[in-house]
Amino acid sequence: MARHEGSSGAVSMSTVAVAMALLLLLGFEHGDAATTFVVGDSNGWNLGTEGWPNGKVFRAGDILRFNYNPTVHNVVAVDEGGYRSCIAPRGAKVFNSGKD
C-alpha cells in the first residue's frame, strides 16, 4: 500500500481516497443548483411573514424572490445592521418592480 510521508507522519493513500470520495458525496448531497424561494410562498411578501422561513433550509447562492404590491412596498438590500435598525444605509439598492 502506498504511503505519503508528511509532517504529521504516514498517511495511507487509501485513506486519502476514501476522504476524497466522502467529500465528493457530501458536495453532491446538497447539489450545486441554487434554490429559488418566493418570500411568503403563494401569498407573496407583505407584513406578517415573520414565520415564513420556519422549516426552510437556506444556503449561500439561494435566491429570494419578493412578490409584492409596488404601490405600497419596496425591497431594500441591507446588511444585518440595517436590518436590525430598520434603517437603510445611504446608497442601498432599492427594488420597486413588485417582482424582485
PDB file of N, CA and C in Angstrom:
ATOM      1  N   MET A   1       0.852  -1.174   0.000  1.00  0.00           N
ATOM      2  CA  MET A   1       0.000   0.000   0.000  1.00  0.00           C
ATOM      3  C   MET A   1       0.899   1.239   0.000  1.00  0.00           C
ATOM      4  N   ALA A   2       0.570   2.216  -0.847  1.00  0.00           N
ATOM      5  CA  ALA A   2       1.373   3.438  -0.942  1.00  0.00           C
ATOM      6  C   ALA A   2       1.143   4.307   0.279  1.00  0.00           C
ATOM      7  N   ARG A   3       2.206   4.984   0.683  1.00  0.00           N
ATOM      8  CA  ARG A   3       2.111   5.894   1.819  1.00  0.00           C
ATOM      9  C   ARG A   3       2.773   7.207   1.447  1.00  0.00           C
ATOM     10  N   HIS A   4       2.242   8.283   2.026  1.00  0.00           N
ATOM     11  CA  HIS A   4       2.825   9.616   1.844  1.00  0.00           C
ATOM     12  C   HIS A   4       3.342  10.066   3.195  1.00  0.00           C
ATOM     13  N   GLU A   5       4.610  10.413   3.241  1.00  0.00           N
ATOM     14  CA  GLU A   5       5.204  10.881   4.492  1.00  0.00           C
ATOM     15  C   GLU A   5       5.023  12.385   4.584  1.00  0.00           C
ATOM     16  N   GLY A   6       4.236  12.845   5.521  1.00  0.00           N
ATOM     17  CA  GLY A   6       4.043  14.268   5.732  1.00  0.00           C
ATOM     18  C   GLY A   6       4.630  14.673   7.063  1.00  0.00           C
ATOM     19  N   SER A   7       4.437  15.902   7.434  1.00  0.00           N
ATOM     20  CA  SER A   7       4.991  16.396   8.690  1.00  0.00           C
ATOM     21  C   SER A   7       4.332  15.739   9.891  1.00  0.00           C
ATOM     22  N   SER A   8       3.120  15.202   9.685  1.00  0.00           N
ATOM     23  CA  SER A   8       2.436  14.584  10.816  1.00  0.00           C
ATOM     24  C   SER A   8       2.534  13.067  10.787  1.00  0.00           C
ATOM     25  N   GLY A   9       3.376  12.504   9.921  1.00  0.00           N
ATOM     26  CA  GLY A   9       3.551  11.067   9.894  1.00  0.00           C
ATOM     27  C   GLY A   9       2.985  10.479   8.619  1.00  0.00           C
ATOM     28  N   ALA A  10       2.833   9.157   8.588  1.00  0.00           N
ATOM     29  CA  ALA A  10       2.393   8.450   7.397  1.00  0.00           C
ATOM     30  C   ALA A  10       0.880   8.516   7.252  1.00  0.00           C
ATOM     31  N   VAL A  11       0.441   8.733   5.995  1.00  0.00           N
ATOM     32  CA  VAL A  11      -0.986   8.737   5.696  1.00  0.00           C
ATOM     33  C   VAL A  11      -1.211   7.763   4.566  1.00  0.00           C
ATOM     34  N   SER A  12      -2.070   6.808   4.750  1.00  0.00           N
ATOM     35  CA  SER A  12      -2.370   5.820   3.733  1.00  0.00           C
ATOM     36  C   SER A  12      -3.063   6.486   2.554  1.00  0.00           C
ATOM     37  N   MET A  13      -2.650   6.147   1.336  1.00  0.00           N
ATOM     38  CA  MET A  13      -3.290   6.700   0.140  1.00  0.00           C
ATOM     39  C   MET A  13      -4.736   6.244   0.054  1.00  0.00           C
ATOM     40  N   SER A  14      -5.073   5.054   0.553  1.00  0.00           N
ATOM     41  CA  SER A  14      -6.464   4.609   0.534  1.00  0.00           C
ATOM     42  C   SER A  14      -7.309   5.461   1.480  1.00  0.00           C
ATOM     43  N   THR A  15      -6.714   5.921   2.584  1.00  0.00           N
ATOM     44  CA  THR A  15      -7.416   6.819   3.499  1.00  0.00           C
ATOM     45  C   THR A  15      -7.725   8.138   2.805  1.00  0.00           C
ATOM     46  N   VAL A  16      -6.741   8.639   2.048  1.00  0.00           N
ATOM     47  CA  VAL A  16      -6.941   9.877   1.296  1.00  0.00           C
ATOM     48  C   VAL A  16      -8.039   9.685   0.262  1.00  0.00           C
ATOM     49  N   ALA A  17      -8.041   8.550  -0.436  1.00  0.00           N
ATOM     50  CA  ALA A  17      -9.054   8.274  -1.458  1.00  0.00           C
ATOM     51  C   ALA A  17     -10.447   8.203  -0.840  1.00  0.00           C
ATOM     52  N   VAL A  18     -10.568   7.555   0.312  1.00  0.00           N
ATOM     53  CA  VAL A  18     -11.861   7.465   0.991  1.00  0.00           C
ATOM     54  C   VAL A  18     -12.322   8.858   1.422  1.00  0.00           C
ATOM     55  N   ALA A  19     -11.423   9.659   1.954  1.00  0.00           N
ATOM     56  CA  ALA A  19     -11.775  11.015   2.379  1.00  0.00           C
ATOM     57  C   ALA A  19     -12.232  11.846   1.193  1.00  0.00           C
ATOM     58  N   MET A  20     -11.530  11.736   0.068  1.00  0.00           N
ATOM     59  CA  MET A  20     -11.922  12.479  -1.130  1.00  0.00           C
ATOM     60  C   MET A  20     -13.307  12.038  -1.615  1.00  0.00           C
ATOM     61  N   ALA A  21     -13.569  10.731  -1.593  1.00  0.00           N
ATOM     62  CA  ALA A  21     -14.869  10.223  -2.022  1.00  0.00           C
ATOM     63  C   ALA A  21     -15.985  10.755  -1.132  1.00  0.00           C
ATOM     64  N   LEU A  22     -15.743  10.787   0.181  1.00  0.00           N
ATOM     65  CA  LEU A  22     -16.749  11.318   1.104  1.00  0.00           C
ATOM     66  C   LEU A  22     -17.014  12.796   0.850  1.00  0.00           C
ATOM     67  N   LEU A  23     -15.962  13.560   0.612  1.00  0.00           N
ATOM     68  CA  LEU A  23     -16.140  14.985   0.326  1.00  0.00           C
ATOM     69  C   LEU A  23     -16.958  15.186  -0.947  1.00  0.00           C
ATOM     70  N   LEU A  24     -16.686  14.379  -1.965  1.00  0.00           N
ATOM     71  CA  LEU A  24     -17.456  14.486  -3.207  1.00  0.00           C
ATOM     72  C   LEU A  24     -18.922  14.136  -2.976  1.00  0.00           C
ATOM     73  N   LEU A  25     -19.170  13.075  -2.223  1.00  0.00           N
ATOM     74  CA  LEU A  25     -20.551  12.679  -1.944  1.00  0.00           C
ATOM     75  C   LEU A  25     -21.284  13.760  -1.163  1.00  0.00           C
ATOM     76  N   LEU A  26     -20.624  14.346  -0.174  1.00  0.00           N
ATOM     77  CA  LEU A  26     -21.258  15.406   0.605  1.00  0.00           C
ATOM     78  C   LEU A  26     -21.562  16.610  -0.276  1.00  0.00           C
ATOM     79  N   GLY A  27     -20.689  16.898  -1.206  1.00  0.00           N
ATOM     80  CA  GLY A  27     -20.926  18.008  -2.118  1.00  0.00           C
ATOM     81  C   GLY A  27     -22.126  17.764  -3.001  1.00  0.00           C
ATOM     82  N   PHE A  28     -22.328  16.523  -3.449  1.00  0.00           N
ATOM     83  CA  PHE A  28     -23.462  16.213  -4.310  1.00  0.00           C
ATOM     84  C   PHE A  28     -24.759  16.100  -3.535  1.00  0.00           C
ATOM     85  N   GLU A  29     -24.672  15.847  -2.240  1.00  0.00           N
ATOM     86  CA  GLU A  29     -25.882  15.730  -1.427  1.00  0.00           C
ATOM     87  C   GLU A  29     -26.698  17.014  -1.484  1.00  0.00           C
ATOM     88  N   HIS A  30     -26.037  18.143  -1.423  1.00  0.00           N
ATOM     89  CA  HIS A  30     -26.740  19.418  -1.434  1.00  0.00           C
ATOM     90  C   HIS A  30     -26.898  19.962  -2.838  1.00  0.00           C
ATOM     91  N   GLY A  31     -26.127  19.448  -3.786  1.00  0.00           N
ATOM     92  CA  GLY A  31     -26.201  19.934  -5.150  1.00  0.00           C
ATOM     93  C   GLY A  31     -25.626  21.338  -5.268  1.00  0.00           C
ATOM     94  N   ASP A  32     -25.293  21.685  -6.480  1.00  0.00           N
ATOM     95  CA  ASP A  32     -24.723  22.999  -6.713  1.00  0.00           C
ATOM     96  C   ASP A  32     -25.769  23.991  -7.172  1.00  0.00           C
ATOM     97  N   ALA A  33     -26.961  23.517  -7.506  1.00  0.00           N
ATOM     98  CA  ALA A  33     -28.003  24.401  -8.023  1.00  0.00           C
ATOM     99  C   ALA A  33     -28.615  25.219  -6.892  1.00  0.00           C
ATOM    100  N   ALA A  34     -28.791  26.490  -7.161  1.00  0.00           N
ATOM    101  CA  ALA A  34     -29.431  27.367  -6.184  1.00  0.00           C
ATOM    102  C   ALA A  34     -30.926  27.066  -6.149  1.00  0.00           C
ATOM    103  N   THR A  35     -31.518  27.259  -4.997  1.00  0.00           N
ATOM    104  CA  THR A  35     -32.961  27.119  -4.839  1.00  0.00           C
ATOM    105  C   THR A  35     -33.563  28.513  -4.814  1.00  0.00           C
ATOM    106  N   THR A  36     -34.674  28.685  -5.531  1.00  0.00           N
ATOM    107  CA  THR A  36     -35.387  29.961  -5.504  1.00  0.00           C
ATOM    108  C   THR A  36     -36.543  29.832  -4.529  1.00  0.00           C
ATOM    109  N   PHE A  37     -36.584  30.733  -3.559  1.00  0.00           N
ATOM    110  CA  PHE A  37     -37.668  30.780  -2.583  1.00  0.00           C
ATOM    111  C   PHE A  37     -38.500  32.024  -2.842  1.00  0.00           C
ATOM    112  N   VAL A  38     -39.808  31.872  -2.925  1.00  0.00           N
ATOM    113  CA  VAL A  38     -40.704  33.026  -3.018  1.00  0.00           C
ATOM    114  C   VAL A  38     -41.068  33.407  -1.592  1.00  0.00           C
ATOM    115  N   VAL A  39     -40.637  34.597  -1.183  1.00  0.00           N
ATOM    116  CA  VAL A  39     -40.883  35.048   0.184  1.00  0.00           C
ATOM    117  C   VAL A  39     -42.385  35.176   0.408  1.00  0.00           C
ATOM    118  N   GLY A  40     -42.891  34.509   1.439  1.00  0.00           N
ATOM    119  CA  GLY A  40     -44.318  34.494   1.717  1.00  0.00           C
ATOM    120  C   GLY A  40     -45.060  33.404   0.957  1.00  0.00           C
ATOM    121  N   ASP A  41     -44.322  32.564   0.216  1.00  0.00           N
ATOM    122  CA  ASP A  41     -44.901  31.498  -0.608  1.00  0.00           C
ATOM    123  C   ASP A  41     -45.941  32.064  -1.558  1.00  0.00           C
ATOM    124  N   SER A  42     -47.069  31.404  -1.713  1.00  0.00           N
ATOM    125  CA  SER A  42     -48.065  31.842  -2.704  1.00  0.00           C
ATOM    126  C   SER A  42     -48.751  33.150  -2.322  1.00  0.00           C
ATOM    127  N   ASN A  43     -48.667  33.554  -1.047  1.00  0.00           N
ATOM    128  CA  ASN A  43     -49.263  34.820  -0.621  1.00  0.00           C
ATOM    129  C   ASN A  43     -48.408  36.027  -0.993  1.00  0.00           C
ATOM    130  N   GLY A  44     -47.149  35.784  -1.361  1.00  0.00           N
ATOM    131  CA  GLY A  44     -46.240  36.886  -1.660  1.00  0.00           C
ATOM    132  C   GLY A  44     -45.797  37.572  -0.386  1.00  0.00           C
ATOM    133  N   TRP A  45     -45.009  38.624  -0.559  1.00  0.00           N
ATOM    134  CA  TRP A  45     -44.470  39.340   0.593  1.00  0.00           C
ATOM    135  C   TRP A  45     -45.458  40.395   1.048  1.00  0.00           C
ATOM    136  N   ASN A  46     -45.694  40.445   2.334  1.00  0.00           N
ATOM    137  CA  ASN A  46     -46.484  41.506   2.961  1.00  0.00           C
ATOM    138  C   ASN A  46     -46.153  41.492   4.444  1.00  0.00           C
ATOM    139  N   LEU A  47     -46.711  42.395   5.174  1.00  0.00           N
ATOM    140  CA  LEU A  47     -46.470  42.404   6.614  1.00  0.00           C
ATOM    141  C   LEU A  47     -47.068  41.137   7.208  1.00  0.00           C
ATOM    142  N   GLY A  48     -46.379  40.546   8.146  1.00  0.00           N
ATOM    143  CA  GLY A  48     -46.869  39.336   8.787  1.00  0.00           C
ATOM    144  C   GLY A  48     -46.278  38.063   8.211  1.00  0.00           C
ATOM    145  N   THR A  49     -45.121  38.142   7.567  1.00  0.00           N
ATOM    146  CA  THR A  49     -44.484  36.936   7.038  1.00  0.00           C
ATOM    147  C   THR A  49     -43.351  36.441   7.939  1.00  0.00           C
ATOM    148  N   GLU A  50     -43.353  36.846   9.212  1.00  0.00           N
ATOM    149  CA  GLU A  50     -42.258  36.506  10.122  1.00  0.00           C
ATOM    150  C   GLU A  50     -42.011  35.011  10.217  1.00  0.00           C
ATOM    151  N   GLY A  51     -43.032  34.188  10.209  1.00  0.00           N
ATOM    152  CA  GLY A  51     -42.872  32.746  10.352  1.00  0.00           C
ATOM    153  C   GLY A  51     -42.565  32.034   9.050  1.00  0.00           C
ATOM    154  N   TRP A  52     -42.555  32.764   7.947  1.00  0.00           N
ATOM    155  CA  TRP A  52     -42.355  32.145   6.638  1.00  0.00           C
ATOM    156  C   TRP A  52     -41.078  31.318   6.538  1.00  0.00           C
ATOM    157  N   PRO A  53     -39.938  31.740   7.092  1.00  0.00           N
ATOM    158  CA  PRO A  53     -38.718  30.932   6.943  1.00  0.00           C
ATOM    159  C   PRO A  53     -38.712  29.638   7.744  1.00  0.00           C
ATOM    160  N   ASN A  54     -39.625  29.472   8.692  1.00  0.00           N
ATOM    161  CA  ASN A  54     -39.616  28.280   9.543  1.00  0.00           C
ATOM    162  C   ASN A  54     -39.673  27.013   8.698  1.00  0.00           C
ATOM    163  N   GLY A  55     -38.755  26.094   8.973  1.00  0.00           N
ATOM    164  CA  GLY A  55     -38.721  24.816   8.285  1.00  0.00           C
ATOM    165  C   GLY A  55     -37.983  24.839   6.956  1.00  0.00           C
ATOM    166  N   LYS A  56     -37.512  25.985   6.526  1.00  0.00           N
ATOM    167  CA  LYS A  56     -36.775  26.079   5.269  1.00  0.00           C
ATOM    168  C   LYS A  56     -35.275  26.075   5.560  1.00  0.00           C
ATOM    169  N   VAL A  57     -34.513  25.486   4.653  1.00  0.00           N
ATOM    170  CA  VAL A  57     -33.058  25.468   4.773  1.00  0.00           C
ATOM    171  C   VAL A  57     -32.502  26.335   3.653  1.00  0.00           C
ATOM    172  N   PHE A  58     -31.810  27.396   4.027  1.00  0.00           N
ATOM    173  CA  PHE A  58     -31.220  28.315   3.063  1.00  0.00           C
ATOM    174  C   PHE A  58     -29.729  28.064   2.974  1.00  0.00           C
ATOM    175  N   ARG A  59     -29.200  28.184   1.766  1.00  0.00           N
ATOM    176  CA  ARG A  59     -27.763  28.009   1.538  1.00  0.00           C
ATOM    177  C   ARG A  59     -27.240  29.199   0.742  1.00  0.00           C
ATOM    178  N   ALA A  60     -25.959  29.448   0.862  1.00  0.00           N
ATOM    179  CA  ALA A  60     -25.331  30.512   0.078  1.00  0.00           C
ATOM    180  C   ALA A  60     -25.632  30.264  -1.395  1.00  0.00           C
ATOM    181  N   GLY A  61     -26.029  31.303  -2.085  1.00  0.00           N
ATOM    182  CA  GLY A  61     -26.344  31.197  -3.505  1.00  0.00           C
ATOM    183  C   GLY A  61     -27.821  31.050  -3.786  1.00  0.00           C
ATOM    184  N   ASP A  62     -28.631  30.732  -2.762  1.00  0.00           N
ATOM    185  CA  ASP A  62     -30.076  30.636  -2.969  1.00  0.00           C
ATOM    186  C   ASP A  62     -30.630  32.005  -3.346  1.00  0.00           C
ATOM    187  N   ILE A  63     -31.783  31.999  -3.967  1.00  0.00           N
ATOM    188  CA  ILE A  63     -32.409  33.232  -4.446  1.00  0.00           C
ATOM    189  C   ILE A  63     -33.701  33.463  -3.674  1.00  0.00           C
ATOM    190  N   LEU A  64     -33.872  34.675  -3.158  1.00  0.00           N
ATOM    191  CA  LEU A  64     -35.126  35.066  -2.515  1.00  0.00           C
ATOM    192  C   LEU A  64     -35.875  35.967  -3.485  1.00  0.00           C
ATOM    193  N   ARG A  65     -37.067  35.562  -3.877  1.00  0.00           N
ATOM    194  CA  ARG A  65     -37.886  36.354  -4.790  1.00  0.00           C
ATOM    195  C   ARG A  65     -38.999  37.009  -3.983  1.00  0.00           C
ATOM    196  N   PHE A  66     -39.114  38.316  -4.117  1.00  0.00           N
ATOM    197  CA  PHE A  66     -40.141  39.078  -3.415  1.00  0.00           C
ATOM    198  C   PHE A  66     -41.219  39.478  -4.412  1.00  0.00           C
ATOM    199  N   ASN A  67     -42.441  39.004  -4.206  1.00  0.00           N
ATOM    200  CA  ASN A  67     -43.605  39.426  -4.988  1.00  0.00           C
ATOM    201  C   ASN A  67     -44.458  40.289  -4.061  1.00  0.00           C
ATOM    202  N   TYR A  68     -44.717  41.532  -4.477  1.00  0.00           N
ATOM    203  CA  TYR A  68     -45.398  42.467  -3.585  1.00  0.00           C
ATOM    204  C   TYR A  68     -46.084  43.550  -4.404  1.00  0.00           C
ATOM    205  N   ASN A  69     -46.939  44.307  -3.754  1.00  0.00           N
ATOM    206  CA  ASN A  69     -47.630  45.432  -4.386  1.00  0.00           C
ATOM    207  C   ASN A  69     -46.688  46.631  -4.368  1.00  0.00           C
ATOM    208  N   PRO A  70     -46.164  47.051  -5.539  1.00  0.00           N
ATOM    209  CA  PRO A  70     -45.180  48.129  -5.558  1.00  0.00           C
ATOM    210  C   PRO A  70     -45.745  49.517  -5.245  1.00  0.00           C
ATOM    211  N   THR A  71     -47.057  49.645  -5.189  1.00  0.00           N
ATOM    212  CA  THR A  71     -47.619  50.941  -4.792  1.00  0.00           C
ATOM    213  C   THR A  71     -47.606  51.112  -3.280  1.00  0.00           C
ATOM    214  N   VAL A  72     -47.347  50.014  -2.552  1.00  0.00           N
ATOM    215  CA  VAL A  72     -47.360  50.045  -1.092  1.00  0.00           C
ATOM    216  C   VAL A  72     -45.990  49.700  -0.506  1.00  0.00           C
ATOM    217  N   HIS A  73     -45.239  48.829  -1.172  1.00  0.00           N
ATOM    218  CA  HIS A  73     -43.987  48.301  -0.624  1.00  0.00           C
ATOM    219  C   HIS A  73     -42.835  48.466  -1.599  1.00  0.00           C
ATOM    220  N   ASN A  74     -41.628  48.229  -1.102  1.00  0.00           N
ATOM    221  CA  ASN A  74     -40.429  48.061  -1.908  1.00  0.00           C
ATOM    222  C   ASN A  74     -39.521  47.087  -1.172  1.00  0.00           C
ATOM    223  N   VAL A  75     -38.382  46.764  -1.768  1.00  0.00           N
ATOM    224  CA  VAL A  75     -37.394  45.900  -1.135  1.00  0.00           C
ATOM    225  C   VAL A  75     -36.073  46.651  -1.164  1.00  0.00           C
ATOM    226  N   VAL A  76     -35.382  46.688  -0.023  1.00  0.00           N
ATOM    227  CA  VAL A  76     -34.102  47.377   0.080  1.00  0.00           C
ATOM    228  C   VAL A  76     -33.063  46.372   0.561  1.00  0.00           C
ATOM    229  N   ALA A  77     -31.943  46.300  -0.158  1.00  0.00           N
ATOM    230  CA  ALA A  77     -30.853  45.406   0.240  1.00  0.00           C
ATOM    231  C   ALA A  77     -30.066  46.066   1.364  1.00  0.00           C
ATOM    232  N   VAL A  78     -30.030  45.413   2.529  1.00  0.00           N
ATOM    233  CA  VAL A  78     -29.313  45.941   3.694  1.00  0.00           C
ATOM    234  C   VAL A  78     -28.463  44.839   4.308  1.00  0.00           C
ATOM    235  N   ASP A  79     -27.509  45.233   5.123  1.00  0.00           N
ATOM    236  CA  ASP A  79     -26.742  44.261   5.884  1.00  0.00           C
ATOM    237  C   ASP A  79     -27.469  43.998   7.208  1.00  0.00           C
ATOM    238  N   GLU A  80     -26.868  43.199   8.072  1.00  0.00           N
ATOM    239  CA  GLU A  80     -27.530  42.860   9.333  1.00  0.00           C
ATOM    240  C   GLU A  80     -27.827  44.098  10.176  1.00  0.00           C
ATOM    241  N   GLY A  81     -26.885  45.048  10.206  1.00  0.00           N
ATOM    242  CA  GLY A  81     -27.097  46.277  10.982  1.00  0.00           C
ATOM    243  C   GLY A  81     -28.283  47.072  10.467  1.00  0.00           C
ATOM    244  N   GLY A  82     -28.394  47.196   9.141  1.00  0.00           N
ATOM    245  CA  GLY A  82     -29.523  47.898   8.543  1.00  0.00           C
ATOM    246  C   GLY A  82     -30.837  47.194   8.815  1.00  0.00           C
ATOM    247  N   TYR A  83     -30.788  45.867   8.799  1.00  0.00           N
ATOM    248  CA  TYR A  83     -31.994  45.088   9.088  1.00  0.00           C
ATOM    249  C   TYR A  83     -32.441  45.299  10.535  1.00  0.00           C
ATOM    250  N   ARG A  84     -31.497  45.160  11.459  1.00  0.00           N
ATOM    251  CA  ARG A  84     -31.843  45.270  12.884  1.00  0.00           C
ATOM    252  C   ARG A  84     -32.301  46.674  13.265  1.00  0.00           C
ATOM    253  N   SER A  85     -31.716  47.704  12.647  1.00  0.00           N
ATOM    254  CA  SER A  85     -32.098  49.079  12.977  1.00  0.00           C
ATOM    255  C   SER A  85     -33.276  49.567  12.143  1.00  0.00           C
ATOM    256  N   CYS A  86     -33.605  48.802  11.106  1.00  0.00           N
ATOM    257  CA  CYS A  86     -34.673  49.171  10.168  1.00  0.00           C
ATOM    258  C   CYS A  86     -34.357  50.517   9.497  1.00  0.00           C
ATOM    259  N   ILE A  87     -33.067  50.736   9.252  1.00  0.00           N
ATOM    260  CA  ILE A  87     -32.612  51.948   8.572  1.00  0.00           C
ATOM    261  C   ILE A  87     -31.737  51.531   7.394  1.00  0.00           C
ATOM    262  N   ALA A  88     -32.130  51.962   6.205  1.00  0.00           N
ATOM    263  CA  ALA A  88     -31.344  51.647   5.019  1.00  0.00           C
ATOM    264  C   ALA A  88     -30.138  52.573   4.953  1.00  0.00           C
ATOM    265  N   PRO A  89     -28.958  52.020   4.760  1.00  0.00           N
ATOM    266  CA  PRO A  89     -27.777  52.880   4.662  1.00  0.00           C
ATOM    267  C   PRO A  89     -27.790  53.692   3.368  1.00  0.00           C
ATOM    268  N   ARG A  90     -27.117  54.795   3.387  1.00  0.00           N
ATOM    269  CA  ARG A  90     -27.016  55.640   2.202  1.00  0.00           C
ATOM    270  C   ARG A  90     -26.463  54.809   1.045  1.00  0.00           C
ATOM    271  N   GLY A  91     -27.095  54.925  -0.106  1.00  0.00           N
ATOM    272  CA  GLY A  91     -26.650  54.201  -1.291  1.00  0.00           C
ATOM    273  C   GLY A  91     -27.160  52.774  -1.389  1.00  0.00           C
ATOM    274  N   ALA A  92     -28.026  52.343  -0.460  1.00  0.00           N
ATOM    275  CA  ALA A  92     -28.559  50.980  -0.506  1.00  0.00           C
ATOM    276  C   ALA A  92     -29.359  50.776  -1.784  1.00  0.00           C
ATOM    277  N   LYS A  93     -29.281  49.586  -2.339  1.00  0.00           N
ATOM    278  CA  LYS A  93     -30.021  49.246  -3.553  1.00  0.00           C
ATOM    279  C   LYS A  93     -31.497  49.089  -3.198  1.00  0.00           C
ATOM    280  N   VAL A  94     -32.360  49.830  -3.906  1.00  0.00           N
ATOM    281  CA  VAL A  94     -33.805  49.788  -3.685  1.00  0.00           C
ATOM    282  C   VAL A  94     -34.463  49.140  -4.899  1.00  0.00           C
ATOM    283  N   PHE A  95     -35.289  48.154  -4.642  1.00  0.00           N
ATOM    284  CA  PHE A  95     -36.044  47.460  -5.688  1.00  0.00           C
ATOM    285  C   PHE A  95     -37.502  47.865  -5.556  1.00  0.00           C
ATOM    286  N   ASN A  96     -38.177  48.127  -6.662  1.00  0.00           N
ATOM    287  CA  ASN A  96     -39.581  48.554  -6.567  1.00  0.00           C
ATOM    288  C   ASN A  96     -40.439  48.090  -7.740  1.00  0.00           C
ATOM    289  N   SER A  97     -40.057  46.966  -8.351  1.00  0.00           N
ATOM    290  CA  SER A  97     -40.826  46.466  -9.503  1.00  0.00           C
ATOM    291  C   SER A  97     -42.053  45.666  -9.084  1.00  0.00           C
ATOM    292  N   GLY A  98     -42.053  45.159  -7.848  1.00  0.00           N
ATOM    293  CA  GLY A  98     -43.114  44.262  -7.394  1.00  0.00           C
ATOM    294  C   GLY A  98     -42.772  42.810  -7.590  1.00  0.00           C
ATOM    295  N   LYS A  99     -41.694  42.541  -8.330  1.00  0.00           N
ATOM    296  CA  LYS A  99     -41.214  41.159  -8.556  1.00  0.00           C
ATOM    297  C   LYS A  99     -39.691  41.182  -8.578  1.00  0.00           C
ATOM    298  N   ASP A 100     -39.107  41.234  -7.404  1.00  0.00           N
ATOM    299  CA  ASP A 100     -37.637  41.346  -7.298  1.00  0.00           C
ATOM    300  C   ASP A 100     -37.061  40.161  -6.553  1.00  0.00           C
TER     301      ASP A 100
END
